[in-house]
All heavy atoms as atom14 arrays in JSON, in Angstrom:
{
  "sequence": "EAECVSALSKRAKNRYLNLNKDTIAFLVRHLNR",
  "atom14_mask": [
    [1, 1, 1, 1, 1, 1, 1, 1, 1, 0, 0, 0, 0, 0],
    [1, 1, 1, 1, 1, 0, 0, 0, 0, 0, 0, 0, 0, 0],
    [1, 1, 1, 1, 1, 1, 1, 1, 1, 0, 0, 0, 0, 0],
    [1, 1, 1, 1, 1, 1, 0, 0, 0, 0, 0, 0, 0, 0],
    [1, 1, 1, 1, 1, 1, 1, 0, 0, 0, 0, 0, 0, 0],
    [1, 1, 1, 1, 1, 1, 0, 0, 0, 0, 0, 0, 0, 0],
    [1, 1, 1, 1, 1, 0, 0, 0, 0, 0, 0, 0, 0, 0],
    [1, 1, 1, 1, 1, 1, 1, 1, 0, 0, 0, 0, 0, 0],
    [1, 1, 1, 1, 1, 1, 0, 0, 0, 0, 0, 0, 0, 0],
    [1, 1, 1, 1, 1, 1, 1, 1, 1, 0, 0, 0, 0, 0],
    [1, 1, 1, 1, 1, 1, 1, 1, 1, 1, 1, 0, 0, 0],
    [1, 1, 1, 1, 1, 0, 0, 0, 0, 0, 0, 0, 0, 0],
    [1, 1, 1, 1, 1, 1, 1, 1, 1, 0, 0, 0, 0, 0],
    [1, 1, 1, 1, 1, 1, 1, 1, 0, 0, 0, 0, 0, 0],
    [1, 1, 1, 1, 1, 1, 1, 1, 1, 1, 1, 0, 0, 0],
    [1, 1, 1, 1, 1, 1, 1, 1, 1, 1, 1, 1, 0, 0],
    [1, 1, 1, 1, 1, 1, 1, 1, 0, 0, 0, 0, 0, 0],
    [1, 1, 1, 1, 1, 1, 1, 1, 0, 0, 0, 0, 0, 0],
    [1, 1, 1, 1, 1, 1, 1, 1, 0, 0, 0, 0, 0, 0],
    [1, 1, 1, 1, 1, 1, 1, 1, 0, 0, 0, 0, 0, 0],
    [1, 1, 1, 1, 1, 1, 1, 1, 1, 0, 0, 0, 0, 0],
    [1, 1, 1, 1, 1, 1, 1, 1, 0, 0, 0, 0, 0, 0],
    [1, 1, 1, 1, 1, 1, 1, 0, 0, 0, 0, 0, 0, 0],
    [1, 1, 1, 1, 1, 1, 1, 1, 0, 0, 0, 0, 0, 0],
    [1, 1, 1, 1, 1, 0, 0, 0, 0, 0, 0, 0, 0, 0],
    [1, 1, 1, 1, 1, 1, 1, 1, 1, 1, 1, 0, 0, 0],
    [1, 1, 1, 1, 1, 1, 1, 1, 0, 0, 0, 0, 0, 0],
    [1, 1, 1, 1, 1, 1, 1, 0, 0, 0, 0, 0, 0, 0],
    [1, 1, 1, 1, 1, 1, 1, 1, 1, 1, 1, 0, 0, 0],
    [1, 1, 1, 1, 1, 1, 1, 1, 1, 1, 0, 0, 0, 0],
    [1, 1, 1, 1, 1, 1, 1, 1, 0, 0, 0, 0, 0, 0],
    [1, 1, 1, 1, 1, 1, 1, 1, 0, 0, 0, 0, 0, 0],
    [1, 1, 1, 1, 1, 1, 1, 1, 1, 1, 1, 0, 0, 0]
  ],
  "atom14_positions": [
    [[99.43, 107.03, 125.35], [98.9, 106.2, 124.27], [97.44, 106.53, 123.95], [97.08, 106.69, 122.77], [99.02, 104.72, 124.64], [98.6, 103.79, 123.51], [98.92, 102.33, 123.82], [100.05, 102.05, 124.25], [98.02, 101.49, 123.64], [0.0, 0.0, 0.0], [0.0, 0.0, 0.0], [0.0, 0.0, 0.0], [0.0, 0.0, 0.0], [0.0, 0.0, 0.0]],
    [[96.6, 106.65, 124.97], [95.18, 106.94, 124.74], [95.0, 108.32, 124.11], [94.16, 108.5, 123.2], [94.41, 106.86, 126.06], [0.0, 0.0, 0.0], [0.0, 0.0, 0.0], [0.0, 0.0, 0.0], [0.0, 0.0, 0.0], [0.0, 0.0, 0.0], [0.0, 0.0, 0.0], [0.0, 0.0, 0.0], [0.0, 0.0, 0.0], [0.0, 0.0, 0.0]],
    [[95.77, 109.3, 124.57], [95.68, 110.65, 124.02], [96.17, 110.68, 122.58], [95.62, 111.41, 121.74], [96.51, 111.61, 124.88], [95.94, 111.8, 126.28], [96.95, 112.39, 127.25], [98.15, 112.49, 126.89], [96.54, 112.75, 128.37], [0.0, 0.0, 0.0], [0.0, 0.0, 0.0], [0.0, 0.0, 0.0], [0.0, 0.0, 0.0], [0.0, 0.0, 0.0]],
    [[97.18, 109.88, 122.28], [97.71, 109.81, 120.92], [96.68, 109.2, 119.97], [96.52, 109.65, 118.83], [98.99, 108.99, 120.92], [100.08, 109.33, 119.54], [0.0, 0.0, 0.0], [0.0, 0.0, 0.0], [0.0, 0.0, 0.0], [0.0, 0.0, 0.0], [0.0, 0.0, 0.0], [0.0, 0.0, 0.0], [0.0, 0.0, 0.0], [0.0, 0.0, 0.0]],
    [[95.97, 108.19, 120.44], [94.89, 107.58, 119.65], [93.81, 108.62, 119.36], [93.32, 108.73, 118.23], [94.29, 106.36, 120.37], [93.01, 105.89, 119.68], [95.31, 105.22, 120.43], [0.0, 0.0, 0.0], [0.0, 0.0, 0.0], [0.0, 0.0, 0.0], [0.0, 0.0, 0.0], [0.0, 0.0, 0.0], [0.0, 0.0, 0.0], [0.0, 0.0, 0.0]],
    [[93.45, 109.39, 120.38], [92.45, 110.44, 120.2], [92.92, 111.49, 119.2], [92.14, 111.93, 118.33], [92.15, 111.09, 121.55], [91.24, 112.16, 121.42], [0.0, 0.0, 0.0], [0.0, 0.0, 0.0], [0.0, 0.0, 0.0], [0.0, 0.0, 0.0], [0.0, 0.0, 0.0], [0.0, 0.0, 0.0], [0.0, 0.0, 0.0], [0.0, 0.0, 0.0]],
    [[94.17, 111.9, 119.3], [94.71, 112.92, 118.39], [94.71, 112.43, 116.96], [94.34, 113.16, 116.02], [96.13, 113.29, 118.82], [0.0, 0.0, 0.0], [0.0, 0.0, 0.0], [0.0, 0.0, 0.0], [0.0, 0.0, 0.0], [0.0, 0.0, 0.0], [0.0, 0.0, 0.0], [0.0, 0.0, 0.0], [0.0, 0.0, 0.0], [0.0, 0.0, 0.0]],
    [[95.13, 111.17, 116.75], [95.18, 110.62, 115.4], [93.77, 110.41, 114.85], [93.54, 110.57, 113.64], [95.96, 109.3, 115.4], [96.66, 108.92, 114.09], [97.64, 109.99, 113.66], [97.37, 107.58, 114.22], [0.0, 0.0, 0.0], [0.0, 0.0, 0.0], [0.0, 0.0, 0.0], [0.0, 0.0, 0.0], [0.0, 0.0, 0.0], [0.0, 0.0, 0.0]],
    [[92.83, 110.09, 115.7], [91.43, 109.94, 115.29], [90.88, 111.26, 114.77], [90.16, 111.31, 113.77], [90.57, 109.44, 116.45], [90.96, 108.14, 116.86], [0.0, 0.0, 0.0], [0.0, 0.0, 0.0], [0.0, 0.0, 0.0], [0.0, 0.0, 0.0], [0.0, 0.0, 0.0], [0.0, 0.0, 0.0], [0.0, 0.0, 0.0], [0.0, 0.0, 0.0]],
    [[91.23, 112.35, 115.45], [90.78, 113.68, 115.03], [91.37, 114.02, 113.66], [90.67, 114.58, 112.8], [91.2, 114.73, 116.06], [90.46, 114.65, 117.38], [90.99, 115.68, 118.37], [90.29, 115.58, 119.71], [90.82, 116.55, 120.7], [0.0, 0.0, 0.0], [0.0, 0.0, 0.0], [0.0, 0.0, 0.0], [0.0, 0.0, 0.0], [0.0, 0.0, 0.0]],
    [[92.63, 113.68, 113.47], [93.27, 113.95, 112.18], [92.61, 113.15, 111.06], [92.37, 113.67, 109.96], [94.75, 113.58, 112.26], [95.56, 114.45, 113.19], [95.96, 115.74, 112.51], [96.95, 116.45, 113.29], [97.81, 117.32, 112.77], [97.78, 117.59, 111.5], [98.67, 117.95, 113.55], [0.0, 0.0, 0.0], [0.0, 0.0, 0.0], [0.0, 0.0, 0.0]],
    [[92.36, 111.87, 111.32], [91.74, 111.01, 110.31], [90.34, 111.51, 109.96], [89.96, 111.55, 108.79], [91.69, 109.57, 110.81], [0.0, 0.0, 0.0], [0.0, 0.0, 0.0], [0.0, 0.0, 0.0], [0.0, 0.0, 0.0], [0.0, 0.0, 0.0], [0.0, 0.0, 0.0], [0.0, 0.0, 0.0], [0.0, 0.0, 0.0], [0.0, 0.0, 0.0]],
    [[89.59, 111.9, 110.98], [88.24, 112.42, 110.75], [88.28, 113.69, 109.93], [87.45, 113.9, 109.03], [87.56, 112.68, 112.1], [86.13, 113.18, 111.98], [85.51, 113.39, 113.35], [84.07, 113.9, 113.23], [83.46, 114.12, 114.57], [0.0, 0.0, 0.0], [0.0, 0.0, 0.0], [0.0, 0.0, 0.0], [0.0, 0.0, 0.0], [0.0, 0.0, 0.0]],
    [[89.24, 114.55, 110.21], [89.39, 115.8, 109.47], [89.66, 115.56, 107.98], [89.24, 116.33, 107.13], [90.53, 116.62, 110.08], [90.8, 117.9, 109.32], [89.96, 118.79, 109.27], [91.98, 118.01, 108.74], [0.0, 0.0, 0.0], [0.0, 0.0, 0.0], [0.0, 0.0, 0.0], [0.0, 0.0, 0.0], [0.0, 0.0, 0.0], [0.0, 0.0, 0.0]],
    [[90.34, 114.44, 107.69], [90.67, 114.1, 106.3], [89.58, 113.24, 105.65], [89.73, 112.82, 104.51], [91.99, 113.32, 106.25], [93.2, 114.09, 106.7], [94.43, 113.22, 106.55], [95.64, 113.88, 107.02], [96.84, 113.62, 106.52], [96.98, 112.73, 105.56], [97.9, 114.24, 107.0], [0.0, 0.0, 0.0], [0.0, 0.0, 0.0], [0.0, 0.0, 0.0]],
    [[88.54, 112.96, 106.4], [87.5, 112.03, 105.94], [88.11, 110.67, 105.6], [87.72, 109.99, 104.65], [86.75, 112.59, 104.72], [86.09, 113.92, 105.01], [86.69, 115.12, 104.61], [84.87, 113.98, 105.69], [86.09, 116.34, 104.89], [84.27, 115.2, 105.98], [84.89, 116.38, 105.58], [84.3, 117.59, 105.85], [0.0, 0.0, 0.0], [0.0, 0.0, 0.0]],
    [[89.08, 110.28, 106.41], [89.78, 109.02, 106.21], [89.12, 107.94, 107.06], [88.97, 108.09, 108.27], [91.24, 109.18, 106.62], [92.22, 108.05, 106.3], [92.27, 107.77, 104.82], [93.61, 108.41, 106.82], [0.0, 0.0, 0.0], [0.0, 0.0, 0.0], [0.0, 0.0, 0.0], [0.0, 0.0, 0.0], [0.0, 0.0, 0.0], [0.0, 0.0, 0.0]],
    [[88.7, 106.87, 106.42], [87.99, 105.79, 107.11], [88.99, 104.9, 107.85], [89.4, 103.85, 107.39], [87.19, 104.96, 106.1], [86.33, 103.91, 106.78], [86.05, 103.99, 107.98], [85.92, 102.9, 106.02], [0.0, 0.0, 0.0], [0.0, 0.0, 0.0], [0.0, 0.0, 0.0], [0.0, 0.0, 0.0], [0.0, 0.0, 0.0], [0.0, 0.0, 0.0]],
    [[89.36, 105.35, 109.04], [90.35, 104.65, 109.85], [89.75, 104.47, 111.24], [89.6, 105.43, 111.99], [91.63, 105.48, 109.92], [92.9, 104.83, 110.45], [93.32, 103.66, 109.58], [94.02, 105.86, 110.54], [0.0, 0.0, 0.0], [0.0, 0.0, 0.0], [0.0, 0.0, 0.0], [0.0, 0.0, 0.0], [0.0, 0.0, 0.0], [0.0, 0.0, 0.0]],
    [[89.37, 103.23, 111.57], [88.69, 103.02, 112.86], [89.69, 103.05, 114.02], [90.9, 102.97, 113.83], [87.89, 101.72, 112.84], [88.76, 100.49, 112.66], [89.75, 100.31, 113.36], [88.39, 99.63, 111.71], [0.0, 0.0, 0.0], [0.0, 0.0, 0.0], [0.0, 0.0, 0.0], [0.0, 0.0, 0.0], [0.0, 0.0, 0.0], [0.0, 0.0, 0.0]],
    [[89.12, 103.14, 115.23], [89.98, 103.32, 116.41], [90.83, 102.09, 116.7], [91.93, 102.22, 117.25], [89.13, 103.68, 117.62], [88.64, 105.12, 117.6], [88.22, 105.59, 118.97], [87.92, 107.09, 118.96], [87.57, 107.6, 120.31], [0.0, 0.0, 0.0], [0.0, 0.0, 0.0], [0.0, 0.0, 0.0], [0.0, 0.0, 0.0], [0.0, 0.0, 0.0]],
    [[90.37, 100.9, 116.34], [91.18, 99.7, 116.54], [92.46, 99.77, 115.71], [93.55, 99.43, 116.18], [90.38, 98.44, 116.18], [89.3, 98.13, 117.2], [89.41, 98.62, 118.34], [88.35, 97.41, 116.86], [0.0, 0.0, 0.0], [0.0, 0.0, 0.0], [0.0, 0.0, 0.0], [0.0, 0.0, 0.0], [0.0, 0.0, 0.0], [0.0, 0.0, 0.0]],
    [[92.3, 100.22, 114.45], [93.46, 100.33, 113.57], [94.4, 101.44, 114.06], [95.63, 101.29, 114.05], [93.02, 100.62, 112.12], [92.12, 99.6, 111.69], [94.22, 100.65, 111.19], [0.0, 0.0, 0.0], [0.0, 0.0, 0.0], [0.0, 0.0, 0.0], [0.0, 0.0, 0.0], [0.0, 0.0, 0.0], [0.0, 0.0, 0.0], [0.0, 0.0, 0.0]],
    [[93.82, 102.55, 114.51], [94.63, 103.65, 115.03], [95.39, 103.21, 116.27], [96.58, 103.49, 116.43], [93.75, 104.87, 115.33], [93.19, 105.46, 114.04], [94.54, 105.94, 116.09], [92.19, 106.57, 114.23], [0.0, 0.0, 0.0], [0.0, 0.0, 0.0], [0.0, 0.0, 0.0], [0.0, 0.0, 0.0], [0.0, 0.0, 0.0], [0.0, 0.0, 0.0]],
    [[94.7, 102.5, 117.16], [95.36, 102.0, 118.38], [96.5, 101.05, 118.03], [97.55, 101.05, 118.68], [94.34, 101.3, 119.28], [0.0, 0.0, 0.0], [0.0, 0.0, 0.0], [0.0, 0.0, 0.0], [0.0, 0.0, 0.0], [0.0, 0.0, 0.0], [0.0, 0.0, 0.0], [0.0, 0.0, 0.0], [0.0, 0.0, 0.0], [0.0, 0.0, 0.0]],
    [[96.3, 100.24, 116.99], [97.36, 99.33, 116.53], [98.58, 100.12, 116.07], [99.73, 99.78, 116.41], [96.83, 98.46, 115.39], [97.89, 97.64, 114.69], [98.3, 96.43, 115.22], [98.48, 98.11, 113.52], [99.29, 95.69, 114.59], [99.47, 97.36, 112.89], [99.87, 96.16, 113.42], [0.0, 0.0, 0.0], [0.0, 0.0, 0.0], [0.0, 0.0, 0.0]],
    [[98.35, 101.18, 115.3], [99.46, 102.0, 114.8], [100.24, 102.62, 115.96], [101.48, 102.58, 115.98], [98.91, 103.12, 113.9], [98.39, 102.71, 112.53], [97.7, 103.89, 111.86], [99.52, 102.18, 111.65], [0.0, 0.0, 0.0], [0.0, 0.0, 0.0], [0.0, 0.0, 0.0], [0.0, 0.0, 0.0], [0.0, 0.0, 0.0], [0.0, 0.0, 0.0]],
    [[99.52, 103.18, 116.91], [100.18, 103.84, 118.04], [100.95, 102.84, 118.89], [102.08, 103.09, 119.32], [99.14, 104.59, 118.9], [99.78, 105.14, 120.17], [98.51, 105.72, 118.09], [0.0, 0.0, 0.0], [0.0, 0.0, 0.0], [0.0, 0.0, 0.0], [0.0, 0.0, 0.0], [0.0, 0.0, 0.0], [0.0, 0.0, 0.0], [0.0, 0.0, 0.0]],
    [[100.34, 101.68, 119.1], [100.94, 100.67, 119.98], [102.17, 100.02, 119.36], [103.14, 99.72, 120.06], [99.89, 99.61, 120.31], [100.29, 98.63, 121.4], [99.08, 97.88, 121.91], [98.29, 97.27, 120.87], [97.08, 97.68, 120.5], [96.52, 98.71, 121.11], [96.43, 97.07, 119.54], [0.0, 0.0, 0.0], [0.0, 0.0, 0.0], [0.0, 0.0, 0.0]],
    [[102.14, 99.81, 118.04], [103.22, 99.06, 117.39], [104.29, 99.95, 116.74], [105.33, 99.44, 116.32], [102.66, 98.12, 116.34], [101.98, 96.92, 116.91], [100.68, 96.97, 117.4], [102.42, 95.66, 117.11], [100.34, 95.78, 117.86], [101.38, 94.97, 117.71], [0.0, 0.0, 0.0], [0.0, 0.0, 0.0], [0.0, 0.0, 0.0], [0.0, 0.0, 0.0]],
    [[104.02, 101.24, 116.66], [105.01, 102.11, 116.03], [105.58, 103.09, 117.07], [106.52, 102.79, 117.76], [104.38, 102.84, 114.84], [103.96, 101.86, 113.72], [103.15, 102.56, 112.64], [105.17, 101.18, 113.1], [0.0, 0.0, 0.0], [0.0, 0.0, 0.0], [0.0, 0.0, 0.0], [0.0, 0.0, 0.0], [0.0, 0.0, 0.0], [0.0, 0.0, 0.0]],
    [[105.01, 104.24, 117.21], [105.49, 105.18, 118.23], [104.42, 106.22, 118.51], [103.39, 106.24, 117.85], [106.79, 105.86, 117.77], [106.59, 106.62, 116.46], [105.79, 107.54, 116.39], [107.33, 106.23, 115.44], [0.0, 0.0, 0.0], [0.0, 0.0, 0.0], [0.0, 0.0, 0.0], [0.0, 0.0, 0.0], [0.0, 0.0, 0.0], [0.0, 0.0, 0.0]],
    [[104.68, 107.09, 119.48], [103.72, 108.13, 119.83], [104.21, 109.5, 119.38], [103.77, 110.52, 119.9], [103.43, 108.13, 121.34], [102.83, 106.84, 121.83], [102.08, 107.03, 123.14], [102.93, 107.52, 124.23], [103.59, 106.74, 125.06], [103.53, 105.42, 124.92], [104.32, 107.25, 126.03], [0.0, 0.0, 0.0], [0.0, 0.0, 0.0], [0.0, 0.0, 0.0]]
  ]
}
C-alpha cells in the first residue's frame, strides 16, 4: 500500500496533477493496488 501511494504520487507529479497524498492514499485504500 505505501509503495503504491508513492508510485501514484510520482505519476501525479509527472502530470502536474494537484493530487495530495491523503487523496492518493484514499484511492489506494478504497479501490485496489
